[in-house]
Structure formats: C-alpha cells, structure tokens
Amino acid sequence: SIQDDFQAYITAPGYGDFDKIKNRMLTHTDNQYGLDSESRLEIYYDMYRLRLLDVLFGDYPKLVGMMGEEKFTQAFLHYLLQFPSTHYSVRP
C-alpha cells in the first residue's frame, strides 16, 4: 500500500528494495508548490528525523549536554540507520 511504502521510505533507507520503494513513492507524489516530487519526499524524510531528534533532545537533556548536540545527533542518526523504527509513534 502507499502507506506502507511511505513508512518504509522515511524509516528504513538503504534496507531491502529502498530504490524500488522510492520510485513507487515518486509515482504517487506530484510536483507542487514549486518543488519536484523528489524534493517533496525529501522534506518528509528529513522532518521525520528532525522530529525524532527533537523528542530525544527533550527526553535526554543531560546526555545531550555531556555529548554535545553534534555528537548526539550523529549517534542518533547512526542508531536510526542500524535500527529503524517499526512503530508509528515515539511514545509507548
């Protein structure tokens, strides 16, 4: 389904048939607001990570303070690539 492909696109880059998923998503995405389909999808891809990172900054302020924002962000991105989320929410 489109929803499954969209979730796979934003949560699991580089896994399985990511290029196929991305190409399928591009067929469902129109050029709008002066942006092409790929740019519009990239916004969702980036915003997903930024929102998760924002939640983690709020949940682990002392760890962010110890590591610094840049190292914390890099550790988060590395972790997310190794262990993509399988749940639709960040809250249990």
PDB file of N, CA and C in Angstrom:
ATOM      1  N   SER A   1       0.839  -1.192   0.000  1.00  0.00           N
ATOM      2  CA  SER A   1       0.000   0.000   0.000  1.00  0.00           C
ATOM      3  C   SER A   1       0.879   1.248   0.000  1.00  0.00           C
ATOM      4  N   ILE A   2       0.277   2.356  -0.338  1.00  0.00           N
ATOM      5  CA  ILE A   2       1.011   3.621  -0.339  1.00  0.00           C
ATOM      6  C   ILE A   2       1.524   3.937   1.064  1.00  0.00           C
ATOM      7  N   GLN A   3       0.683   3.701   2.076  1.00  0.00           N
ATOM      8  CA  GLN A   3       1.090   3.989   3.457  1.00  0.00           C
ATOM      9  C   GLN A   3       2.299   3.150   3.869  1.00  0.00           C
ATOM     10  N   ASP A   4       2.289   1.868   3.526  1.00  0.00           N
ATOM     11  CA  ASP A   4       3.418   1.002   3.870  1.00  0.00           C
ATOM     12  C   ASP A   4       4.700   1.446   3.163  1.00  0.00           C
ATOM     13  N   ASP A   5       4.561   1.786   1.885  1.00  0.00           N
ATOM     14  CA  ASP A   5       5.724   2.268   1.131  1.00  0.00           C
ATOM     15  C   ASP A   5       6.245   3.575   1.707  1.00  0.00           C
ATOM     16  N   PHE A   6       5.335   4.469   2.092  1.00  0.00           N
ATOM     17  CA  PHE A   6       5.747   5.749   2.656  1.00  0.00           C
ATOM     18  C   PHE A   6       6.495   5.541   3.967  1.00  0.00           C
ATOM     19  N   GLN A   7       5.960   4.676   4.834  1.00  0.00           N
ATOM     20  CA  GLN A   7       6.636   4.400   6.098  1.00  0.00           C
ATOM     21  C   GLN A   7       8.009   3.784   5.847  1.00  0.00           C
ATOM     22  N   ALA A   8       8.089   2.844   4.915  1.00  0.00           N
ATOM     23  CA  ALA A   8       9.379   2.232   4.590  1.00  0.00           C
ATOM     24  C   ALA A   8      10.349   3.276   4.037  1.00  0.00           C
ATOM     25  N   TYR A   9       9.849   4.198   3.241  1.00  0.00           N
ATOM     26  CA  TYR A   9      10.701   5.239   2.662  1.00  0.00           C
ATOM     27  C   TYR A   9      11.316   6.124   3.743  1.00  0.00           C
ATOM     28  N   ILE A  10      10.499   6.578   4.692  1.00  0.00           N
ATOM     29  CA  ILE A  10      11.040   7.515   5.682  1.00  0.00           C
ATOM     30  C   ILE A  10      11.766   6.836   6.836  1.00  0.00           C
ATOM     31  N   THR A  11      11.469   5.556   7.097  1.00  0.00           N
ATOM     32  CA  THR A  11      12.070   4.931   8.277  1.00  0.00           C
ATOM     33  C   THR A  11      13.233   4.001   7.986  1.00  0.00           C
ATOM     34  N   ALA A  12      13.329   3.454   6.784  1.00  0.00           N
ATOM     35  CA  ALA A  12      14.325   2.417   6.549  1.00  0.00           C
ATOM     36  C   ALA A  12      15.120   2.612   5.266  1.00  0.00           C
ATOM     37  N   PRO A  13      15.798   3.734   5.110  1.00  0.00           N
ATOM     38  CA  PRO A  13      16.590   3.920   3.892  1.00  0.00           C
ATOM     39  C   PRO A  13      17.738   2.918   3.839  1.00  0.00           C
ATOM     40  N   GLY A  14      18.001   2.424   2.648  1.00  0.00           N
ATOM     41  CA  GLY A  14      19.114   1.510   2.474  1.00  0.00           C
ATOM     42  C   GLY A  14      18.791   0.062   2.790  1.00  0.00           C
ATOM     43  N   TYR A  15      17.576  -0.211   3.225  1.00  0.00           N
ATOM     44  CA  TYR A  15      17.195  -1.583   3.546  1.00  0.00           C
ATOM     45  C   TYR A  15      16.328  -2.143   2.431  1.00  0.00           C
ATOM     46  N   GLY A  16      16.525  -3.400   2.137  1.00  0.00           N
ATOM     47  CA  GLY A  16      15.674  -4.081   1.177  1.00  0.00           C
ATOM     48  C   GLY A  16      15.657  -3.399  -0.174  1.00  0.00           C
ATOM     49  N   ASP A  17      14.487  -3.175  -0.682  1.00  0.00           N
ATOM     50  CA  ASP A  17      14.294  -2.588  -2.006  1.00  0.00           C
ATOM     51  C   ASP A  17      14.004  -1.089  -1.905  1.00  0.00           C
ATOM     52  N   PHE A  18      14.861  -0.368  -1.195  1.00  0.00           N
ATOM     53  CA  PHE A  18      14.615   1.052  -0.961  1.00  0.00           C
ATOM     54  C   PHE A  18      14.435   1.834  -2.262  1.00  0.00           C
ATOM     55  N   ASP A  19      15.261   1.569  -3.254  1.00  0.00           N
ATOM     56  CA  ASP A  19      15.142   2.295  -4.523  1.00  0.00           C
ATOM     57  C   ASP A  19      13.796   2.034  -5.187  1.00  0.00           C
ATOM     58  N   LYS A  20      13.334   0.792  -5.106  1.00  0.00           N
ATOM     59  CA  LYS A  20      12.009   0.469  -5.655  1.00  0.00           C
ATOM     60  C   LYS A  20      10.912   1.223  -4.902  1.00  0.00           C
ATOM     61  N   ILE A  21      11.036   1.240  -3.583  1.00  0.00           N
ATOM     62  CA  ILE A  21      10.042   1.933  -2.753  1.00  0.00           C
ATOM     63  C   ILE A  21      10.045   3.421  -3.085  1.00  0.00           C
ATOM     64  N   LYS A  22      11.229   3.991  -3.190  1.00  0.00           N
ATOM     65  CA  LYS A  22      11.338   5.418  -3.507  1.00  0.00           C
ATOM     66  C   LYS A  22      10.706   5.708  -4.867  1.00  0.00           C
ATOM     67  N   ASN A  23      10.992   4.878  -5.857  1.00  0.00           N
ATOM     68  CA  ASN A  23      10.419   5.087  -7.190  1.00  0.00           C
ATOM     69  C   ASN A  23       8.902   4.961  -7.180  1.00  0.00           C
ATOM     70  N   ARG A  24       8.383   4.007  -6.403  1.00  0.00           N
ATOM     71  CA  ARG A  24       6.918   3.893  -6.287  1.00  0.00           C
ATOM     72  C   ARG A  24       6.332   5.138  -5.635  1.00  0.00           C
ATOM     73  N   MET A  25       7.012   5.631  -4.597  1.00  0.00           N
ATOM     74  CA  MET A  25       6.516   6.835  -3.917  1.00  0.00           C
ATOM     75  C   MET A  25       6.548   8.033  -4.867  1.00  0.00           C
ATOM     76  N   LEU A  26       7.550   8.103  -5.708  1.00  0.00           N
ATOM     77  CA  LEU A  26       7.627   9.215  -6.659  1.00  0.00           C
ATOM     78  C   LEU A  26       6.451   9.205  -7.625  1.00  0.00           C
ATOM     79  N   THR A  27       5.926   8.020  -7.948  1.00  0.00           N
ATOM     80  CA  THR A  27       4.766   7.966  -8.851  1.00  0.00           C
ATOM     81  C   THR A  27       3.497   8.459  -8.176  1.00  0.00           C
ATOM     82  N   HIS A  28       3.486   8.492  -6.845  1.00  0.00           N
ATOM     83  CA  HIS A  28       2.317   8.956  -6.099  1.00  0.00           C
ATOM     84  C   HIS A  28       2.469  10.396  -5.608  1.00  0.00           C
ATOM     85  N   THR A  29       3.564  11.029  -5.958  1.00  0.00           N
ATOM     86  CA  THR A  29       3.854  12.374  -5.468  1.00  0.00           C
ATOM     87  C   THR A  29       3.914  13.336  -6.643  1.00  0.00           C
ATOM     88  N   ASP A  30       3.144  14.405  -6.553  1.00  0.00           N
ATOM     89  CA  ASP A  30       3.097  15.395  -7.622  1.00  0.00           C
ATOM     90  C   ASP A  30       4.092  16.517  -7.387  1.00  0.00           C
ATOM     91  N   ASN A  31       4.467  17.177  -8.459  1.00  0.00           N
ATOM     92  CA  ASN A  31       5.225  18.423  -8.358  1.00  0.00           C
ATOM     93  C   ASN A  31       4.233  19.490  -7.920  1.00  0.00           C
ATOM     94  N   GLN A  32       4.507  20.105  -6.788  1.00  0.00           N
ATOM     95  CA  GLN A  32       3.626  21.152  -6.270  1.00  0.00           C
ATOM     96  C   GLN A  32       4.441  22.181  -5.508  1.00  0.00           C
ATOM     97  N   TYR A  33       3.859  23.347  -5.392  1.00  0.00           N
ATOM     98  CA  TYR A  33       4.452  24.425  -4.581  1.00  0.00           C
ATOM     99  C   TYR A  33       5.868  24.759  -5.021  1.00  0.00           C
ATOM    100  N   GLY A  34       6.158  24.585  -6.293  1.00  0.00           N
ATOM    101  CA  GLY A  34       7.475  24.897  -6.814  1.00  0.00           C
ATOM    102  C   GLY A  34       8.522  23.846  -6.512  1.00  0.00           C
ATOM    103  N   LEU A  35       8.099  22.688  -6.034  1.00  0.00           N
ATOM    104  CA  LEU A  35       9.038  21.606  -5.710  1.00  0.00           C
ATOM    105  C   LEU A  35       8.728  20.390  -6.563  1.00  0.00           C
ATOM    106  N   ASP A  36       9.786  19.689  -6.968  1.00  0.00           N
ATOM    107  CA  ASP A  36       9.548  18.447  -7.695  1.00  0.00           C
ATOM    108  C   ASP A  36       9.221  17.339  -6.699  1.00  0.00           C
ATOM    109  N   SER A  37       8.786  16.205  -7.224  1.00  0.00           N
ATOM    110  CA  SER A  37       8.353  15.083  -6.385  1.00  0.00           C
ATOM    111  C   SER A  37       9.440  14.634  -5.415  1.00  0.00           C
ATOM    112  N   GLU A  38      10.656  14.509  -5.909  1.00  0.00           N
ATOM    113  CA  GLU A  38      11.745  14.029  -5.061  1.00  0.00           C
ATOM    114  C   GLU A  38      12.030  15.001  -3.912  1.00  0.00           C
ATOM    115  N   SER A  39      12.014  16.286  -4.200  1.00  0.00           N
ATOM    116  CA  SER A  39      12.243  17.287  -3.148  1.00  0.00           C
ATOM    117  C   SER A  39      11.153  17.234  -2.088  1.00  0.00           C
ATOM    118  N   ARG A  40       9.919  17.036  -2.518  1.00  0.00           N
ATOM    119  CA  ARG A  40       8.815  16.943  -1.567  1.00  0.00           C
ATOM    120  C   ARG A  40       8.961  15.725  -0.673  1.00  0.00           C
ATOM    121  N   LEU A  41       9.362  14.590  -1.249  1.00  0.00           N
ATOM    122  CA  LEU A  41       9.577  13.394  -0.432  1.00  0.00           C
ATOM    123  C   LEU A  41      10.738  13.593   0.541  1.00  0.00           C
ATOM    124  N   GLU A  42      11.784  14.266   0.094  1.00  0.00           N
ATOM    125  CA  GLU A  42      12.937  14.505   0.960  1.00  0.00           C
ATOM    126  C   GLU A  42      12.566  15.349   2.176  1.00  0.00           C
ATOM    127  N   ILE A  43      11.605  16.235   2.022  1.00  0.00           N
ATOM    128  CA  ILE A  43      11.148  17.035   3.164  1.00  0.00           C
ATOM    129  C   ILE A  43      10.572  16.119   4.239  1.00  0.00           C
ATOM    130  N   TYR A  44       9.732  15.167   3.842  1.00  0.00           N
ATOM    131  CA  TYR A  44       9.180  14.216   4.811  1.00  0.00           C
ATOM    132  C   TYR A  44      10.283  13.371   5.437  1.00  0.00           C
ATOM    133  N   TYR A  45      11.220  12.932   4.616  1.00  0.00           N
ATOM    134  CA  TYR A  45      12.350  12.126   5.093  1.00  0.00           C
ATOM    135  C   TYR A  45      13.129  12.892   6.169  1.00  0.00           C
ATOM    136  N   ASP A  46      13.462  14.137   5.876  1.00  0.00           N
ATOM    137  CA  ASP A  46      14.228  14.955   6.816  1.00  0.00           C
ATOM    138  C   ASP A  46      13.420  15.310   8.060  1.00  0.00           C
ATOM    139  N   MET A  47      12.164  15.677   7.871  1.00  0.00           N
ATOM    140  CA  MET A  47      11.344  16.094   9.015  1.00  0.00           C
ATOM    141  C   MET A  47      11.103  14.940   9.979  1.00  0.00           C
ATOM    142  N   TYR A  48      10.981  13.728   9.475  1.00  0.00           N
ATOM    143  CA  TYR A  48      10.834  12.562  10.346  1.00  0.00           C
ATOM    144  C   TYR A  48      12.017  12.491  11.314  1.00  0.00           C
ATOM    145  N   ARG A  49      13.222  12.610  10.784  1.00  0.00           N
ATOM    146  CA  ARG A  49      14.412  12.545  11.625  1.00  0.00           C
ATOM    147  C   ARG A  49      14.522  13.733  12.576  1.00  0.00           C
ATOM    148  N   LEU A  50      14.210  14.907  12.089  1.00  0.00           N
ATOM    149  CA  LEU A  50      14.278  16.094  12.942  1.00  0.00           C
ATOM    150  C   LEU A  50      13.277  16.023  14.090  1.00  0.00           C
ATOM    151  N   ARG A  51      12.092  15.505  13.834  1.00  0.00           N
ATOM    152  CA  ARG A  51      11.091  15.389  14.906  1.00  0.00           C
ATOM    153  C   ARG A  51      11.525  14.351  15.939  1.00  0.00           C
ATOM    154  N   LEU A  52      12.052  13.215  15.475  1.00  0.00           N
ATOM    155  CA  LEU A  52      12.555  12.220  16.424  1.00  0.00           C
ATOM    156  C   LEU A  52      13.708  12.789  17.251  1.00  0.00           C
ATOM    157  N   LEU A  53      14.595  13.490  16.593  1.00  0.00           N
ATOM    158  CA  LEU A  53      15.729  14.092  17.290  1.00  0.00           C
ATOM    159  C   LEU A  53      15.251  15.104  18.322  1.00  0.00           C
ATOM    160  N   ASP A  54      14.251  15.886  17.988  1.00  0.00           N
ATOM    161  CA  ASP A  54      13.689  16.856  18.924  1.00  0.00           C
ATOM    162  C   ASP A  54      13.129  16.161  20.165  1.00  0.00           C
ATOM    163  N   VAL A  55      12.447  15.043  19.962  1.00  0.00           N
ATOM    164  CA  VAL A  55      11.919  14.273  21.096  1.00  0.00           C
ATOM    165  C   VAL A  55      13.061  13.786  21.977  1.00  0.00           C
ATOM    166  N   LEU A  56      14.118  13.255  21.351  1.00  0.00           N
ATOM    167  CA  LEU A  56      15.243  12.742  22.131  1.00  0.00           C
ATOM    168  C   LEU A  56      15.995  13.844  22.864  1.00  0.00           C
ATOM    169  N   PHE A  57      16.126  15.004  22.246  1.00  0.00           N
ATOM    170  CA  PHE A  57      16.737  16.143  22.953  1.00  0.00           C
ATOM    171  C   PHE A  57      15.943  16.457  24.219  1.00  0.00           C
ATOM    172  N   GLY A  58      14.623  16.396  24.124  1.00  0.00           N
ATOM    173  CA  GLY A  58      13.778  16.661  25.287  1.00  0.00           C
ATOM    174  C   GLY A  58      13.833  15.563  26.325  1.00  0.00           C
ATOM    175  N   ASP A  59      13.952  14.314  25.883  1.00  0.00           N
ATOM    176  CA  ASP A  59      13.971  13.181  26.814  1.00  0.00           C
ATOM    177  C   ASP A  59      15.327  12.955  27.474  1.00  0.00           C
ATOM    178  N   TYR A  60      16.403  13.365  26.821  1.00  0.00           N
ATOM    179  CA  TYR A  60      17.755  13.101  27.326  1.00  0.00           C
ATOM    180  C   TYR A  60      18.613  14.364  27.361  1.00  0.00           C
ATOM    181  N   PRO A  61      18.158  15.411  28.047  1.00  0.00           N
ATOM    182  CA  PRO A  61      18.914  16.668  28.032  1.00  0.00           C
ATOM    183  C   PRO A  61      20.307  16.556  28.659  1.00  0.00           C
ATOM    184  N   LYS A  62      20.460  15.724  29.685  1.00  0.00           N
ATOM    185  CA  LYS A  62      21.777  15.592  30.322  1.00  0.00           C
ATOM    186  C   LYS A  62      22.759  14.875  29.390  1.00  0.00           C
ATOM    187  N   LEU A  63      22.279  13.869  28.684  1.00  0.00           N
ATOM    188  CA  LEU A  63      23.144  13.169  27.738  1.00  0.00           C
ATOM    189  C   LEU A  63      23.554  14.091  26.594  1.00  0.00           C
ATOM    190  N   VAL A  64      22.604  14.894  26.117  1.00  0.00           N
ATOM    191  CA  VAL A  64      22.922  15.883  25.074  1.00  0.00           C
ATOM    192  C   VAL A  64      23.981  16.850  25.601  1.00  0.00           C
ATOM    193  N   GLY A  65      23.828  17.267  26.851  1.00  0.00           N
ATOM    194  CA  GLY A  65      24.797  18.175  27.462  1.00  0.00           C
ATOM    195  C   GLY A  65      26.182  17.560  27.573  1.00  0.00           C
ATOM    196  N   MET A  66      26.232  16.287  27.929  1.00  0.00           N
ATOM    197  CA  MET A  66      27.519  15.607  28.058  1.00  0.00           C
ATOM    198  C   MET A  66      28.188  15.384  26.698  1.00  0.00           C
ATOM    199  N   MET A  67      27.403  14.942  25.725  1.00  0.00           N
ATOM    200  CA  MET A  67      27.954  14.606  24.410  1.00  0.00           C
ATOM    201  C   MET A  67      28.115  15.816  23.509  1.00  0.00           C
ATOM    202  N   GLY A  68      27.264  16.805  23.703  1.00  0.00           N
ATOM    203  CA  GLY A  68      27.190  17.926  22.784  1.00  0.00           C
ATOM    204  C   GLY A  68      26.174  17.586  21.699  1.00  0.00           C
ATOM    205  N   GLU A  69      25.527  18.607  21.176  1.00  0.00           N
ATOM    206  CA  GLU A  69      24.452  18.392  20.203  1.00  0.00           C
ATOM    207  C   GLU A  69      24.922  17.671  18.943  1.00  0.00           C
ATOM    208  N   GLU A  70      26.099  18.030  18.446  1.00  0.00           N
ATOM    209  CA  GLU A  70      26.577  17.428  17.192  1.00  0.00           C
ATOM    210  C   GLU A  70      26.850  15.930  17.341  1.00  0.00           C
ATOM    211  N   LYS A  71      27.556  15.544  18.406  1.00  0.00           N
ATOM    212  CA  LYS A  71      27.846  14.120  18.608  1.00  0.00           C
ATOM    213  C   LYS A  71      26.572  13.341  18.919  1.00  0.00           C
ATOM    214  N   PHE A  72      25.674  13.935  19.692  1.00  0.00           N
ATOM    215  CA  PHE A  72      24.405  13.280  19.991  1.00  0.00           C
ATOM    216  C   PHE A  72      23.614  13.042  18.704  1.00  0.00           C
ATOM    217  N   THR A  73      23.571  14.045  17.848  1.00  0.00           N
ATOM    218  CA  THR A  73      22.856  13.926  16.579  1.00  0.00           C
ATOM    219  C   THR A  73      23.467  12.832  15.718  1.00  0.00           C
ATOM    220  N   GLN A  74      24.788  12.799  15.629  1.00  0.00           N
ATOM    221  CA  GLN A  74      25.452  11.766  14.829  1.00  0.00           C
ATOM    222  C   GLN A  74      25.181  10.366  15.387  1.00  0.00           C
ATOM    223  N   ALA A  75      25.214  10.236  16.711  1.00  0.00           N
ATOM    224  CA  ALA A  75      24.928   8.938  17.339  1.00  0.00           C
ATOM    225  C   ALA A  75      23.487   8.516  17.049  1.00  0.00           C
ATOM    226  N   PHE A  76      22.566   9.462  17.131  1.00  0.00           N
ATOM    227  CA  PHE A  76      21.166   9.180  16.830  1.00  0.00           C
ATOM    228  C   PHE A  76      20.992   8.717  15.387  1.00  0.00           C
ATOM    229  N   LEU A  77      21.601   9.414  14.432  1.00  0.00           N
ATOM    230  CA  LEU A  77      21.455   9.049  13.022  1.00  0.00           C
ATOM    231  C   LEU A  77      22.061   7.676  12.748  1.00  0.00           C
ATOM    232  N   HIS A  78      23.199   7.402  13.365  1.00  0.00           N
ATOM    233  CA  HIS A  78      23.826   6.089  13.205  1.00  0.00           C
ATOM    234  C   HIS A  78      22.916   4.996  13.774  1.00  0.00           C
ATOM    235  N   TYR A  79      22.373   5.226  14.949  1.00  0.00           N
ATOM    236  CA  TYR A  79      21.469   4.262  15.579  1.00  0.00           C
ATOM    237  C   TYR A  79      20.233   4.035  14.711  1.00  0.00           C
ATOM    238  N   LEU A  80      19.665   5.106  14.208  1.00  0.00           N
ATOM    239  CA  LEU A  80      18.456   5.007  13.388  1.00  0.00           C
ATOM    240  C   LEU A  80      18.699   4.211  12.109  1.00  0.00           C
ATOM    241  N   LEU A  81      19.873   4.351  11.528  1.00  0.00           N
ATOM    242  CA  LEU A  81      20.198   3.553  10.337  1.00  0.00           C
ATOM    243  C   LEU A  81      20.330   2.068  10.673  1.00  0.00           C
ATOM    244  N   GLN A  82      20.886   1.775  11.837  1.00  0.00           N
ATOM    245  CA  GLN A  82      21.068   0.382  12.241  1.00  0.00           C
ATOM    246  C   GLN A  82      19.777  -0.264  12.742  1.00  0.00           C
ATOM    247  N   PHE A  83      18.925   0.545  13.381  1.00  0.00           N
ATOM    248  CA  PHE A  83      17.698   0.034  13.997  1.00  0.00           C
ATOM    249  C   PHE A  83      16.509   0.924  13.641  1.00  0.00           C
ATOM    250  N   PRO A  84      16.033   0.835  12.393  1.00  0.00           N
ATOM    251  CA  PRO A  84      14.904   1.689  12.002  1.00  0.00           C
ATOM    252  C   PRO A  84      13.661   1.379  12.829  1.00  0.00           C
ATOM    253  N   SER A  85      12.892   2.387  13.075  1.00  0.00           N
ATOM    254  CA  SER A  85      11.673   2.243  13.862  1.00  0.00           C
ATOM    255  C   SER A  85      10.660   1.352  13.147  1.00  0.00           C
ATOM    256  N   THR A  86       9.973   0.555  13.914  1.00  0.00           N
ATOM    257  CA  THR A  86       8.903  -0.281  13.372  1.00  0.00           C
ATOM    258  C   THR A  86       7.549   0.135  13.922  1.00  0.00           C
ATOM    259  N   HIS A  87       7.534   1.202  14.708  1.00  0.00           N
ATOM    260  CA  HIS A  87       6.292   1.669  15.321  1.00  0.00           C
ATOM    261  C   HIS A  87       5.952   3.059  14.826  1.00  0.00           C
ATOM    262  N   TYR A  88       4.692   3.352  14.709  1.00  0.00           N
ATOM    263  CA  TYR A  88       4.245   4.636  14.168  1.00  0.00           C
ATOM    264  C   TYR A  88       4.376   5.792  15.156  1.00  0.00           C
ATOM    265  N   SER A  89       4.595   5.515  16.435  1.00  0.00           N
ATOM    266  CA  SER A  89       4.661   6.570  17.438  1.00  0.00           C
ATOM    267  C   SER A  89       5.967   6.492  18.211  1.00  0.00           C
ATOM    268  N   VAL A  90       6.437   7.626  18.714  1.00  0.00           N
ATOM    269  CA  VAL A  90       7.635   7.622  19.559  1.00  0.00           C
ATOM    270  C   VAL A  90       7.296   7.342  21.010  1.00  0.00           C
ATOM    271  N   ARG A  91       6.018   7.367  21.318  1.00  0.00           N
ATOM    272  CA  ARG A  91       5.577   7.107  22.687  1.00  0.00           C
ATOM    273  C   ARG A  91       5.005   5.699  22.793  1.00  0.00           C
ATOM    274  N   PRO A  92       5.285   4.991  23.912  1.00  0.00           N
ATOM    275  CA  PRO A  92       4.726   3.630  24.085  1.00  0.00           C
ATOM    276  C   PRO A  92       3.221   3.635  24.226  1.00  0.00           C
TER     277      PRO A  92
END
